Amino acid sequence: MHAVELHIKQALTGIYPESEIKGFTKIIFTEVFHFNMLDYYMGKDINLSANEAEQLDEILARLQKNEPIQYILGYTEFYGMTFCVTPAVLIPRPETAELVSLIIKENVDCSAKILDIGAGSGCIAISLAKNLPQAKVSSWDVSDEALKVARENNEKLGVSVTFSKVDVLGYKPFGEKFNVIVSNPPYITNAEKADMENNVLDWEPSLALFVPDEDPLLFYRKIAELGLDMLTPGGKIYFEINQAFGKEMADLLLSLGYCDAKIIKDLSGRDRIVKALR
């Protein structure tokens, strides 16, 4: 085993499983120090300069505190693009990429007006704008820090999403219409915290994660109510959801007057997306 690899393993053993340590090792070698992994696998010596050794120890100290590697690097991959991420925004998940794929597939031929509620890093809105170039995409968030990250990603990735600071819970429609509304709002109940990993609880923004136990559909209800005014006839609404509330979400949309509400499972077989027509 390489001395550097052994150093990483010793620093992280007991905190992370071996498979995750191997993943971190590969990321550190390739993403941080830009070593050729073929050289690594061939057993060639890996030597760090004094500055690189210091940088490695700083990374390991942050990992020991359960800080996500994406925040340490300052970026992550999503939908074939590299997004800047900070602790002000959620780290984009594969399930969210499935939501993006569905929207693109179902709206590929139209010049839709699309509203994304809960911008975060901008991953949903920017991915839609990149892959639906005829669409006009807008995105809201209540967090100034999140909007700063989203706008940086918007500029870096060369799209023209309009990002705005909006508190959706207090928003009053004023006549603007959209063909598609999409949201991945806060949906984790406080009761579910006990089952969550420390790297999420301690580092990712609570504002974007949690809802009260007594009203887990708080954001969905408000956004769906706004959709009644803001969607064009036949317009579509898409939500990423808490797997525990698939039926409740479909029932909510139907009770408000939406039609053709469908629950869609993610690749792991969990209820993850609900969509409906206005």
Protein backbone atom coordinates (compact mmCIF):
# COMPACT_ATOMS: atom_id res chain seq x y z
CA MET A 1 0.00 0.00 0.00
CA HIS A 2 1.25 3.48 -0.86
CA ALA A 3 2.38 5.54 2.13
CA VAL A 4 -0.14 8.27 1.23
CA GLU A 5 -2.94 5.72 0.89
CA LEU A 6 -2.00 4.22 4.26
CA HIS A 7 -2.00 7.68 5.84
CA ILE A 8 -5.52 8.35 4.53
CA LYS A 9 -6.75 4.96 5.71
CA GLN A 10 -5.31 5.42 9.20
CA ALA A 11 -6.84 8.88 9.52
CA LEU A 12 -10.35 7.80 8.50
CA THR A 13 -10.69 4.24 9.80
CA GLY A 14 -13.39 4.02 12.45
CA ILE A 15 -15.20 7.03 11.02
CA TYR A 16 -16.06 5.72 7.55
CA PRO A 17 -16.49 2.22 6.08
CA GLU A 18 -13.56 0.87 4.07
CA SER A 19 -15.39 1.25 0.76
CA GLU A 20 -15.97 4.95 1.41
CA ILE A 21 -12.34 5.46 2.43
CA LYS A 22 -11.27 3.95 -0.88
CA GLY A 23 -13.60 6.36 -2.66
CA PHE A 24 -12.13 9.33 -0.78
CA THR A 25 -8.62 8.11 -1.61
CA LYS A 26 -9.37 8.03 -5.32
CA ILE A 27 -10.97 11.49 -5.21
CA ILE A 28 -8.04 12.96 -3.29
CA PHE A 29 -5.52 11.44 -5.67
CA THR A 30 -7.29 12.46 -8.88
CA GLU A 31 -9.35 15.55 -8.06
CA VAL A 32 -7.10 17.27 -5.53
CA PHE A 33 -3.57 16.27 -6.58
CA HIS A 34 -4.30 15.30 -10.21
CA PHE A 35 -2.32 12.08 -10.08
CA ASN A 36 -2.73 9.56 -12.86
CA MET A 37 -4.72 6.65 -11.43
CA LEU A 38 -3.00 4.27 -13.84
CA ASP A 39 0.31 5.10 -12.16
CA TYR A 40 -1.35 4.53 -8.81
CA TYR A 41 -2.74 1.13 -9.79
CA MET A 42 0.62 0.15 -11.31
CA GLY A 43 2.25 0.73 -7.95
CA LYS A 44 4.36 3.74 -8.90
CA ASP A 45 5.56 5.92 -6.05
CA ILE A 46 3.29 8.80 -5.09
CA ASN A 47 5.25 11.61 -3.47
CA LEU A 48 3.73 14.72 -1.95
CA SER A 49 5.46 18.02 -1.57
CA ALA A 50 5.41 19.70 1.84
CA ASN A 51 2.54 21.93 0.72
CA GLU A 52 0.59 18.96 -0.66
CA ALA A 53 1.12 17.01 2.56
CA GLU A 54 -0.23 19.96 4.53
CA GLN A 55 -3.21 20.23 2.16
CA LEU A 56 -3.90 16.51 2.58
CA ASP A 57 -3.92 16.78 6.37
CA GLU A 58 -6.36 19.70 6.17
CA ILE A 59 -8.69 17.62 4.00
CA LEU A 60 -8.46 14.64 6.36
CA ALA A 61 -9.20 16.87 9.37
CA ARG A 62 -12.36 18.10 7.64
CA LEU A 63 -13.40 14.57 6.70
CA GLN A 64 -12.88 13.52 10.31
CA LYS A 65 -15.55 16.10 11.22
CA ASN A 66 -17.95 14.46 8.72
CA GLU A 67 -17.80 17.37 6.30
CA PRO A 68 -19.01 16.16 2.88
CA ILE A 69 -16.24 15.76 0.33
CA GLN A 70 -18.27 17.88 -2.11
CA TYR A 71 -18.04 20.89 0.23
CA ILE A 72 -14.33 20.28 0.74
CA LEU A 73 -13.75 20.24 -3.02
CA GLY A 74 -16.21 23.09 -3.55
CA TYR A 75 -17.99 21.35 -6.42
CA THR A 76 -19.89 18.24 -7.49
CA GLU A 77 -21.06 16.62 -10.70
CA PHE A 78 -24.74 16.71 -11.64
CA TYR A 79 -26.39 15.87 -14.93
CA GLY A 80 -23.10 15.96 -16.83
CA MET A 81 -22.06 19.35 -15.47
CA THR A 82 -19.88 20.60 -12.63
CA PHE A 83 -21.73 22.67 -10.03
CA CYS A 84 -20.15 24.77 -7.31
CA VAL A 85 -21.54 23.83 -3.90
CA THR A 86 -21.14 25.33 -0.44
CA PRO A 87 -22.82 24.58 2.91
CA ALA A 88 -25.45 27.16 1.86
CA VAL A 89 -26.94 24.66 -0.60
CA LEU A 90 -27.88 21.01 -0.64
CA ILE A 91 -25.57 18.63 -2.45
CA PRO A 92 -27.47 17.48 -5.57
CA ARG A 93 -28.62 13.86 -5.39
CA PRO A 94 -29.06 11.22 -8.11
CA GLU A 95 -32.79 11.16 -7.38
CA THR A 96 -33.01 14.79 -8.38
CA ALA A 97 -31.30 13.95 -11.67
CA GLU A 98 -34.12 11.45 -12.28
CA LEU A 99 -36.62 14.29 -11.80
CA VAL A 100 -34.72 16.46 -14.28
CA SER A 101 -34.62 13.60 -16.81
CA LEU A 102 -38.38 13.11 -16.58
CA ILE A 103 -39.11 16.80 -17.16
CA ILE A 104 -36.77 16.99 -20.13
CA LYS A 105 -38.27 13.84 -21.66
CA GLU A 106 -41.83 15.12 -21.29
CA ASN A 107 -41.18 18.68 -22.47
CA VAL A 108 -38.45 18.28 -25.08
CA ASP A 109 -40.43 19.71 -27.99
CA CYS A 110 -41.92 22.79 -26.40
CA SER A 111 -40.73 26.31 -25.67
CA ALA A 112 -42.09 26.14 -22.14
CA LYS A 113 -41.99 28.71 -19.37
CA ILE A 114 -40.64 26.77 -16.41
CA LEU A 115 -40.54 27.77 -12.74
CA ASP A 116 -38.27 25.94 -10.28
CA ILE A 117 -39.14 26.65 -6.65
CA GLY A 118 -36.25 26.15 -4.24
CA ALA A 119 -33.18 26.90 -6.34
CA GLY A 120 -30.41 25.70 -4.04
CA SER A 121 -27.30 25.29 -6.20
CA GLY A 122 -29.43 25.90 -9.27
CA CYS A 123 -28.96 22.31 -10.38
CA ILE A 124 -32.57 21.70 -11.48
CA ALA A 125 -33.15 25.02 -13.22
CA ILE A 126 -29.75 25.13 -14.92
CA SER A 127 -29.95 21.51 -16.10
CA LEU A 128 -33.39 22.18 -17.58
CA ALA A 129 -32.22 25.36 -19.29
CA LYS A 130 -29.17 23.58 -20.69
CA ASN A 131 -31.17 20.69 -22.09
CA LEU A 132 -34.30 22.59 -23.11
CA PRO A 133 -32.73 25.57 -24.89
CA GLN A 134 -36.09 26.85 -26.16
CA ALA A 135 -37.49 27.05 -22.64
CA LYS A 136 -37.52 30.15 -20.46
CA VAL A 137 -36.53 29.08 -16.96
CA SER A 138 -36.99 30.99 -13.70
CA SER A 139 -36.04 29.87 -10.22
CA TRP A 140 -36.80 31.08 -6.69
CA ASP A 141 -35.11 30.70 -3.34
CA VAL A 142 -35.51 32.41 0.01
CA SER A 143 -31.78 32.23 0.84
CA ASP A 144 -29.44 35.00 -0.32
CA GLU A 145 -26.47 32.65 0.14
CA ALA A 146 -28.07 29.93 -2.00
CA LEU A 147 -28.97 32.44 -4.71
CA LYS A 148 -25.35 33.63 -4.82
CA VAL A 149 -24.20 30.05 -5.49
CA ALA A 150 -26.95 29.46 -8.07
CA ARG A 151 -26.12 32.64 -9.97
CA GLU A 152 -22.43 31.75 -10.03
CA ASN A 153 -23.30 28.34 -11.49
CA ASN A 154 -25.66 29.97 -13.96
CA GLU A 155 -22.89 32.21 -15.28
CA LYS A 156 -20.21 29.53 -15.22
CA LEU A 157 -22.33 27.03 -17.12
CA GLY A 158 -23.45 29.56 -19.72
CA VAL A 159 -27.22 29.54 -19.32
CA SER A 160 -29.71 32.32 -18.64
CA VAL A 161 -31.94 31.23 -15.78
CA THR A 162 -33.61 34.12 -13.94
CA PHE A 163 -33.04 33.69 -10.21
CA SER A 164 -35.16 35.64 -7.71
CA LYS A 165 -35.43 35.88 -3.94
CA VAL A 166 -38.94 34.72 -3.05
CA ASP A 167 -40.42 33.28 0.14
CA VAL A 168 -42.89 30.87 -1.39
CA LEU A 169 -44.90 30.53 1.83
CA GLY A 170 -45.81 34.21 1.66
CA TYR A 171 -46.00 34.66 -2.10
CA LYS A 172 -49.11 36.12 -3.77
CA PRO A 173 -49.59 35.43 -7.51
CA PHE A 174 -49.86 38.50 -9.73
CA GLY A 175 -50.79 36.99 -13.08
CA GLU A 176 -47.56 35.44 -14.40
CA LYS A 177 -48.15 32.05 -16.03
CA PHE A 178 -45.94 28.99 -16.46
CA ASN A 179 -46.26 25.77 -18.43
CA VAL A 180 -44.26 23.78 -15.88
CA ILE A 181 -43.65 24.17 -12.15
CA VAL A 182 -41.09 21.95 -10.46
CA SER A 183 -39.92 21.81 -6.86
CA ASN A 184 -37.72 19.77 -4.56
CA PRO A 185 -38.75 21.55 -1.36
CA PRO A 186 -37.91 20.73 2.26
CA TYR A 187 -39.61 17.42 3.04
CA ILE A 188 -37.77 15.63 5.88
CA THR A 189 -39.66 15.57 9.18
CA ASN A 190 -37.87 16.25 12.43
CA ALA A 191 -38.79 12.74 13.54
CA GLU A 192 -36.60 11.36 10.73
CA LYS A 193 -33.44 13.07 11.99
CA ALA A 194 -32.45 10.05 14.07
CA ASP A 195 -32.01 8.00 10.89
CA MET A 196 -29.86 10.55 9.07
CA GLU A 197 -26.11 10.60 8.62
CA ASN A 198 -24.01 13.17 10.48
CA ASN A 199 -22.53 14.52 7.26
CA VAL A 200 -26.05 15.66 6.31
CA LEU A 201 -27.27 16.77 9.73
CA ASP A 202 -24.13 18.68 10.68
CA TRP A 203 -23.33 20.30 7.35
CA GLU A 204 -26.22 20.64 4.88
CA PRO A 205 -28.62 23.59 5.35
CA SER A 206 -31.54 22.79 7.67
CA LEU A 207 -33.61 25.44 5.89
CA ALA A 208 -33.62 23.26 2.77
CA LEU A 209 -34.20 19.96 4.54
CA PHE A 210 -36.75 19.99 7.33
CA VAL A 211 -40.48 20.50 7.81
CA PRO A 212 -42.57 20.29 10.98
CA ASP A 213 -43.70 16.81 11.98
CA GLU A 214 -47.27 18.07 12.25
CA ASP A 215 -47.34 19.44 8.67
CA PRO A 216 -44.99 17.45 6.41
CA LEU A 217 -46.74 18.61 3.23
CA LEU A 218 -46.46 22.31 4.12
CA PHE A 219 -44.43 23.39 1.10
CA TYR A 220 -46.13 21.03 -1.33
CA ARG A 221 -49.57 22.34 -0.41
CA LYS A 222 -48.54 25.98 -0.81
CA ILE A 223 -46.78 25.37 -4.14
CA ALA A 224 -49.69 23.31 -5.46
CA GLU A 225 -52.10 26.08 -4.46
CA LEU A 226 -49.94 28.62 -6.29
CA GLY A 227 -49.95 26.32 -9.30
CA LEU A 228 -53.73 26.63 -9.56
CA ASP A 229 -53.21 30.33 -10.39
CA MET A 230 -49.82 30.21 -12.07
CA LEU A 231 -50.02 27.18 -14.39
CA THR A 232 -51.52 27.46 -17.84
CA PRO A 233 -54.43 25.09 -18.62
CA GLY A 234 -52.89 21.64 -19.09
CA GLY A 235 -49.71 22.82 -17.37
CA LYS A 236 -47.62 20.31 -15.45
CA ILE A 237 -46.44 20.25 -11.87
CA TYR A 238 -43.58 18.02 -10.70
CA PHE A 239 -42.35 17.35 -7.16
CA GLU A 240 -39.51 15.38 -5.65
CA ILE A 241 -41.05 13.88 -2.52
CA ASN A 242 -40.41 12.13 0.76
CA GLN A 243 -40.90 8.44 -0.02
CA ALA A 244 -43.18 8.14 3.01
CA PHE A 245 -45.81 10.48 1.55
CA GLY A 246 -46.36 9.37 -2.04
CA LYS A 247 -50.06 8.56 -1.70
CA GLU A 248 -50.70 11.62 0.45
CA MET A 249 -49.09 13.83 -2.21
CA ALA A 250 -51.13 12.37 -5.05
CA ASP A 251 -54.31 12.70 -2.97
CA LEU A 252 -53.43 16.33 -2.14
CA LEU A 253 -53.06 17.25 -5.80
CA LEU A 254 -56.29 15.52 -6.77
CA SER A 255 -58.17 17.21 -3.92
CA LEU A 256 -57.02 20.62 -5.19
CA GLY A 257 -58.35 19.93 -8.66
CA TYR A 258 -55.29 18.62 -10.49
CA CYS A 259 -55.77 15.59 -12.70
CA ASP A 260 -53.75 12.56 -13.77
CA ALA A 261 -51.67 12.57 -10.57
CA LYS A 262 -48.97 9.90 -10.78
CA ILE A 263 -46.41 8.57 -8.30
CA ILE A 264 -43.08 7.59 -9.88
CA LYS A 265 -40.47 5.43 -8.18
CA ASP A 266 -36.75 6.16 -8.31
CA LEU A 267 -34.12 3.65 -9.41
CA SER A 268 -34.06 2.24 -5.87
CA GLY A 269 -37.79 1.47 -6.03
CA ARG A 270 -38.86 4.24 -3.64
CA ASP A 271 -41.70 6.67 -4.27
CA ARG A 272 -39.75 9.75 -5.30
CA ILE A 273 -41.63 11.90 -7.83
CA VAL A 274 -45.24 13.01 -8.06
CA LYS A 275 -46.53 14.78 -11.15
CA ALA A 276 -49.95 16.05 -12.20
CA LEU A 277 -51.73 18.19 -14.77
CA ARG A 278 -53.53 21.46 -14.14
